Amino acid sequence: MADATLKIGRELMDKLNEYAQAAGYESGEEFAAVILQREIDKLDDSDASDKVEDRLRGLGYIS
């Protein structure tokens, strides 16, 4: 998969760079990628949990 470009305002990028350095990341870009991946993983996990809950409800195990 090819890399993509995301436009981020200067003020936000400065904060990303600041927090990235404090957290031990190489760059603000790397830190932003990690943050985005964590949020996507949370959404994926939430979606999977919802599907399991719907399935259990459909089977009558929970109401």
PDB file of N, CA and C in Angstrom:
ATOM      1  N   MET A   1       0.846  -1.172   0.000  1.00  0.00           N
ATOM      2  CA  MET A   1       0.000   0.000   0.000  1.00  0.00           C
ATOM      3  C   MET A   1       0.894   1.238   0.000  1.00  0.00           C
ATOM      4  N   ALA A   2       0.546   2.219  -0.796  1.00  0.00           N
ATOM      5  CA  ALA A   2       1.312   3.452  -0.877  1.00  0.00           C
ATOM      6  C   ALA A   2       1.014   4.346   0.317  1.00  0.00           C
ATOM      7  N   ASP A   3       2.003   5.127   0.707  1.00  0.00           N
ATOM      8  CA  ASP A   3       1.796   6.091   1.777  1.00  0.00           C
ATOM      9  C   ASP A   3       0.906   7.217   1.273  1.00  0.00           C
ATOM     10  N   ALA A   4       0.161   7.813   2.191  1.00  0.00           N
ATOM     11  CA  ALA A   4      -0.695   8.939   1.854  1.00  0.00           C
ATOM     12  C   ALA A   4      -0.246  10.156   2.645  1.00  0.00           C
ATOM     13  N   THR A   5      -0.682  11.304   2.205  1.00  0.00           N
ATOM     14  CA  THR A   5      -0.351  12.553   2.879  1.00  0.00           C
ATOM     15  C   THR A   5      -1.594  13.098   3.554  1.00  0.00           C
ATOM     16  N   LEU A   6      -1.414  13.563   4.771  1.00  0.00           N
ATOM     17  CA  LEU A   6      -2.497  14.149   5.547  1.00  0.00           C
ATOM     18  C   LEU A   6      -2.077  15.561   5.922  1.00  0.00           C
ATOM     19  N   LYS A   7      -2.910  16.535   5.615  1.00  0.00           N
ATOM     20  CA  LYS A   7      -2.581  17.918   5.948  1.00  0.00           C
ATOM     21  C   LYS A   7      -2.996  18.215   7.382  1.00  0.00           C
ATOM     22  N   ILE A   8      -2.038  18.733   8.158  1.00  0.00           N
ATOM     23  CA  ILE A   8      -2.259  19.084   9.557  1.00  0.00           C
ATOM     24  C   ILE A   8      -1.752  20.512   9.748  1.00  0.00           C
ATOM     25  N   GLY A   9      -2.524  21.304  10.440  1.00  0.00           N
ATOM     26  CA  GLY A   9      -2.127  22.692  10.691  1.00  0.00           C
ATOM     27  C   GLY A   9      -0.825  22.777  11.479  1.00  0.00           C
ATOM     28  N   ARG A  10      -0.123  23.863  11.317  1.00  0.00           N
ATOM     29  CA  ARG A  10       1.187  24.069  11.942  1.00  0.00           C
ATOM     30  C   ARG A  10       1.101  23.941  13.465  1.00  0.00           C
ATOM     31  N   GLU A  11       0.091  24.542  14.083  1.00  0.00           N
ATOM     32  CA  GLU A  11      -0.037  24.506  15.539  1.00  0.00           C
ATOM     33  C   GLU A  11      -0.191  23.064  16.048  1.00  0.00           C
ATOM     34  N   LEU A  12      -1.032  22.288  15.392  1.00  0.00           N
ATOM     35  CA  LEU A  12      -1.221  20.895  15.786  1.00  0.00           C
ATOM     36  C   LEU A  12       0.051  20.086  15.538  1.00  0.00           C
ATOM     37  N   MET A  13       0.731  20.342  14.414  1.00  0.00           N
ATOM     38  CA  MET A  13       1.965  19.619  14.116  1.00  0.00           C
ATOM     39  C   MET A  13       3.035  19.936  15.145  1.00  0.00           C
ATOM     40  N   ASP A  14       3.102  21.181  15.589  1.00  0.00           N
ATOM     41  CA  ASP A  14       4.065  21.556  16.635  1.00  0.00           C
ATOM     42  C   ASP A  14       3.791  20.773  17.917  1.00  0.00           C
ATOM     43  N   LYS A  15       2.519  20.643  18.271  1.00  0.00           N
ATOM     44  CA  LYS A  15       2.150  19.875  19.471  1.00  0.00           C
ATOM     45  C   LYS A  15       2.488  18.395  19.290  1.00  0.00           C
ATOM     46  N   LEU A  16       2.200  17.845  18.102  1.00  0.00           N
ATOM     47  CA  LEU A  16       2.543  16.453  17.830  1.00  0.00           C
ATOM     48  C   LEU A  16       4.042  16.227  17.980  1.00  0.00           C
ATOM     49  N   ASN A  17       4.828  17.128  17.442  1.00  0.00           N
ATOM     50  CA  ASN A  17       6.284  17.001  17.550  1.00  0.00           C
ATOM     51  C   ASN A  17       6.737  17.078  19.001  1.00  0.00           C
ATOM     52  N   GLU A  18       6.148  17.977  19.752  1.00  0.00           N
ATOM     53  CA  GLU A  18       6.491  18.154  21.167  1.00  0.00           C
ATOM     54  C   GLU A  18       6.175  16.887  21.969  1.00  0.00           C
ATOM     55  N   TYR A  19       4.953  16.380  21.803  1.00  0.00           N
ATOM     56  CA  TYR A  19       4.550  15.185  22.545  1.00  0.00           C
ATOM     57  C   TYR A  19       5.277  13.938  22.044  1.00  0.00           C
ATOM     58  N   ALA A  20       5.583  13.892  20.764  1.00  0.00           N
ATOM     59  CA  ALA A  20       6.318  12.753  20.213  1.00  0.00           C
ATOM     60  C   ALA A  20       7.694  12.661  20.858  1.00  0.00           C
ATOM     61  N   GLN A  21       8.352  13.777  20.959  1.00  0.00           N
ATOM     62  CA  GLN A  21       9.677  13.796  21.565  1.00  0.00           C
ATOM     63  C   GLN A  21       9.591  13.355  23.028  1.00  0.00           C
ATOM     64  N   ALA A  22       8.613  13.864  23.767  1.00  0.00           N
ATOM     65  CA  ALA A  22       8.448  13.507  25.176  1.00  0.00           C
ATOM     66  C   ALA A  22       8.136  12.020  25.352  1.00  0.00           C
ATOM     67  N   ALA A  23       7.430  11.443  24.377  1.00  0.00           N
ATOM     68  CA  ALA A  23       7.032  10.037  24.463  1.00  0.00           C
ATOM     69  C   ALA A  23       8.069   9.092  23.849  1.00  0.00           C
ATOM     70  N   GLY A  24       9.129   9.653  23.281  1.00  0.00           N
ATOM     71  CA  GLY A  24      10.199   8.819  22.735  1.00  0.00           C
ATOM     72  C   GLY A  24      10.024   8.392  21.296  1.00  0.00           C
ATOM     73  N   TYR A  25       9.138   9.045  20.562  1.00  0.00           N
ATOM     74  CA  TYR A  25       8.960   8.728  19.147  1.00  0.00           C
ATOM     75  C   TYR A  25       9.967   9.520  18.321  1.00  0.00           C
ATOM     76  N   GLU A  26      10.242   9.016  17.131  1.00  0.00           N
ATOM     77  CA  GLU A  26      11.203   9.655  16.240  1.00  0.00           C
ATOM     78  C   GLU A  26      10.704  10.982  15.679  1.00  0.00           C
ATOM     79  N   SER A  27       9.381  11.063  15.468  1.00  0.00           N
ATOM     80  CA  SER A  27       8.832  12.270  14.836  1.00  0.00           C
ATOM     81  C   SER A  27       7.356  12.423  15.178  1.00  0.00           C
ATOM     82  N   GLY A  28       6.842  13.601  14.905  1.00  0.00           N
ATOM     83  CA  GLY A  28       5.417  13.841  15.061  1.00  0.00           C
ATOM     84  C   GLY A  28       4.605  12.986  14.112  1.00  0.00           C
ATOM     85  N   GLU A  29       5.157  12.723  12.920  1.00  0.00           N
ATOM     86  CA  GLU A  29       4.469  11.889  11.947  1.00  0.00           C
ATOM     87  C   GLU A  29       4.293  10.462  12.474  1.00  0.00           C
ATOM     88  N   GLU A  30       5.366   9.926  13.069  1.00  0.00           N
ATOM     89  CA  GLU A  30       5.292   8.580  13.631  1.00  0.00           C
ATOM     90  C   GLU A  30       4.281   8.538  14.781  1.00  0.00           C
ATOM     91  N   PHE A  31       4.329   9.545  15.638  1.00  0.00           N
ATOM     92  CA  PHE A  31       3.409   9.630  16.770  1.00  0.00           C
ATOM     93  C   PHE A  31       1.962   9.716  16.285  1.00  0.00           C
ATOM     94  N   ALA A  32       1.709  10.530  15.276  1.00  0.00           N
ATOM     95  CA  ALA A  32       0.361  10.660  14.723  1.00  0.00           C
ATOM     96  C   ALA A  32      -0.124   9.332  14.151  1.00  0.00           C
ATOM     97  N   ALA A  33       0.747   8.609  13.465  1.00  0.00           N
ATOM     98  CA  ALA A  33       0.367   7.316  12.897  1.00  0.00           C
ATOM     99  C   ALA A  33      -0.009   6.329  13.999  1.00  0.00           C
ATOM    100  N   VAL A  34       0.750   6.333  15.102  1.00  0.00           N
ATOM    101  CA  VAL A  34       0.462   5.440  16.231  1.00  0.00           C
ATOM    102  C   VAL A  34      -0.888   5.805  16.856  1.00  0.00           C
ATOM    103  N   ILE A  35      -1.130   7.082  17.049  1.00  0.00           N
ATOM    104  CA  ILE A  35      -2.393   7.541  17.635  1.00  0.00           C
ATOM    105  C   ILE A  35      -3.574   7.139  16.745  1.00  0.00           C
ATOM    106  N   LEU A  36      -3.451   7.378  15.456  1.00  0.00           N
ATOM    107  CA  LEU A  36      -4.526   7.017  14.526  1.00  0.00           C
ATOM    108  C   LEU A  36      -4.780   5.515  14.524  1.00  0.00           C
ATOM    109  N   GLN A  37      -3.716   4.719  14.540  1.00  0.00           N
ATOM    110  CA  GLN A  37      -3.886   3.263  14.549  1.00  0.00           C
ATOM    111  C   GLN A  37      -4.584   2.805  15.824  1.00  0.00           C
ATOM    112  N   ARG A  38      -4.230   3.392  16.971  1.00  0.00           N
ATOM    113  CA  ARG A  38      -4.887   3.040  18.243  1.00  0.00           C
ATOM    114  C   ARG A  38      -6.385   3.330  18.180  1.00  0.00           C
ATOM    115  N   GLU A  39      -6.735   4.476  17.645  1.00  0.00           N
ATOM    116  CA  GLU A  39      -8.152   4.852  17.559  1.00  0.00           C
ATOM    117  C   GLU A  39      -8.910   3.921  16.605  1.00  0.00           C
ATOM    118  N   ILE A  40      -8.296   3.571  15.497  1.00  0.00           N
ATOM    119  CA  ILE A  40      -8.922   2.643  14.551  1.00  0.00           C
ATOM    120  C   ILE A  40      -9.103   1.279  15.207  1.00  0.00           C
ATOM    121  N   ASP A  41      -8.087   0.830  15.941  1.00  0.00           N
ATOM    122  CA  ASP A  41      -8.187  -0.455  16.638  1.00  0.00           C
ATOM    123  C   ASP A  41      -9.326  -0.443  17.660  1.00  0.00           C
ATOM    124  N   LYS A  42      -9.488   0.662  18.365  1.00  0.00           N
ATOM    125  CA  LYS A  42     -10.592   0.784  19.327  1.00  0.00           C
ATOM    126  C   LYS A  42     -11.935   0.666  18.620  1.00  0.00           C
ATOM    127  N   LEU A  43     -12.070   1.327  17.496  1.00  0.00           N
ATOM    128  CA  LEU A  43     -13.320   1.262  16.734  1.00  0.00           C
ATOM    129  C   LEU A  43     -13.565  -0.141  16.217  1.00  0.00           C
ATOM    130  N   ASP A  44     -12.517  -0.795  15.735  1.00  0.00           N
ATOM    131  CA  ASP A  44     -12.649  -2.174  15.252  1.00  0.00           C
ATOM    132  C   ASP A  44     -13.076  -3.090  16.386  1.00  0.00           C
ATOM    133  N   ASP A  45     -12.462  -2.938  17.562  1.00  0.00           N
ATOM    134  CA  ASP A  45     -12.815  -3.756  18.722  1.00  0.00           C
ATOM    135  C   ASP A  45     -14.247  -3.488  19.156  1.00  0.00           C
ATOM    136  N   SER A  46     -14.642  -2.235  19.142  1.00  0.00           N
ATOM    137  CA  SER A  46     -16.003  -1.859  19.530  1.00  0.00           C
ATOM    138  C   SER A  46     -17.011  -2.469  18.574  1.00  0.00           C
ATOM    139  N   ASP A  47     -16.707  -2.417  17.289  1.00  0.00           N
ATOM    140  CA  ASP A  47     -17.588  -2.980  16.266  1.00  0.00           C
ATOM    141  C   ASP A  47     -17.726  -4.485  16.458  1.00  0.00           C
ATOM    142  N   ALA A  48     -16.622  -5.163  16.747  1.00  0.00           N
ATOM    143  CA  ALA A  48     -16.655  -6.613  16.957  1.00  0.00           C
ATOM    144  C   ALA A  48     -17.483  -6.948  18.191  1.00  0.00           C
ATOM    145  N   SER A  49     -17.320  -6.168  19.253  1.00  0.00           N
ATOM    146  CA  SER A  49     -18.094  -6.400  20.482  1.00  0.00           C
ATOM    147  C   SER A  49     -19.582  -6.213  20.228  1.00  0.00           C
ATOM    148  N   ASP A  50     -19.921  -5.202  19.454  1.00  0.00           N
ATOM    149  CA  ASP A  50     -21.331  -4.959  19.121  1.00  0.00           C
ATOM    150  C   ASP A  50     -21.912  -6.133  18.349  1.00  0.00           C
ATOM    151  N   LYS A  51     -21.139  -6.689  17.436  1.00  0.00           N
ATOM    152  CA  LYS A  51     -21.616  -7.822  16.641  1.00  0.00           C
ATOM    153  C   LYS A  51     -21.841  -9.053  17.522  1.00  0.00           C
ATOM    154  N   VAL A  52     -20.923  -9.292  18.454  1.00  0.00           N
ATOM    155  CA  VAL A  52     -21.073 -10.429  19.366  1.00  0.00           C
ATOM    156  C   VAL A  52     -22.304 -10.230  20.235  1.00  0.00           C
ATOM    157  N   GLU A  53     -22.475  -9.007  20.753  1.00  0.00           N
ATOM    158  CA  GLU A  53     -23.635  -8.710  21.593  1.00  0.00           C
ATOM    159  C   GLU A  53     -24.935  -8.899  20.812  1.00  0.00           C
ATOM    160  N   ASP A  54     -24.976  -8.424  19.578  1.00  0.00           N
ATOM    161  CA  ASP A  54     -26.164  -8.604  18.747  1.00  0.00           C
ATOM    162  C   ASP A  54     -26.446 -10.088  18.508  1.00  0.00           C
ATOM    163  N   ARG A  55     -25.400 -10.844  18.296  1.00  0.00           N
ATOM    164  CA  ARG A  55     -25.566 -12.290  18.051  1.00  0.00           C
ATOM    165  C   ARG A  55     -26.101 -12.984  19.309  1.00  0.00           C
ATOM    166  N   LEU A  56     -25.541 -12.642  20.473  1.00  0.00           N
ATOM    167  CA  LEU A  56     -26.007 -13.226  21.733  1.00  0.00           C
ATOM    168  C   LEU A  56     -27.451 -12.832  22.027  1.00  0.00           C
ATOM    169  N   ARG A  57     -27.791 -11.590  21.708  1.00  0.00           N
ATOM    170  CA  ARG A  57     -29.170 -11.130  21.901  1.00  0.00           C
ATOM    171  C   ARG A  57     -30.100 -11.906  20.977  1.00  0.00           C
ATOM    172  N   GLY A  58     -29.692 -12.112  19.732  1.00  0.00           N
ATOM    173  CA  GLY A  58     -30.480 -12.861  18.780  1.00  0.00           C
ATOM    174  C   GLY A  58     -30.686 -14.313  19.193  1.00  0.00           C
ATOM    175  N   LEU A  59     -29.707 -14.858  19.882  1.00  0.00           N
ATOM    176  CA  LEU A  59     -29.811 -16.240  20.353  1.00  0.00           C
ATOM    177  C   LEU A  59     -30.570 -16.348  21.671  1.00  0.00           C
ATOM    178  N   GLY A  60     -30.908 -15.206  22.259  1.00  0.00           N
ATOM    179  CA  GLY A  60     -31.702 -15.209  23.485  1.00  0.00           C
ATOM    180  C   GLY A  60     -30.872 -15.308  24.757  1.00  0.00           C
ATOM    181  N   TYR A  61     -29.548 -15.192  24.645  1.00  0.00           N
ATOM    182  CA  TYR A  61     -28.712 -15.292  25.835  1.00  0.00           C
ATOM    183  C   TYR A  61     -28.707 -14.000  26.656  1.00  0.00           C
ATOM    184  N   ILE A  62     -28.920 -12.881  26.011  1.00  0.00           N
ATOM    185  CA  ILE A  62     -29.032 -11.610  26.722  1.00  0.00           C
ATOM    186  C   ILE A  62     -30.242 -10.855  26.188  1.00  0.00           C
ATOM    187  N   SER A  63     -30.764  -9.976  27.030  1.00  0.00           N
ATOM    188  CA  SER A  63     -31.945  -9.226  26.582  1.00  0.00           C
ATOM    189  C   SER A  63     -31.687  -7.736  26.607  1.00  0.00           C
TER     190      SER A  63
END
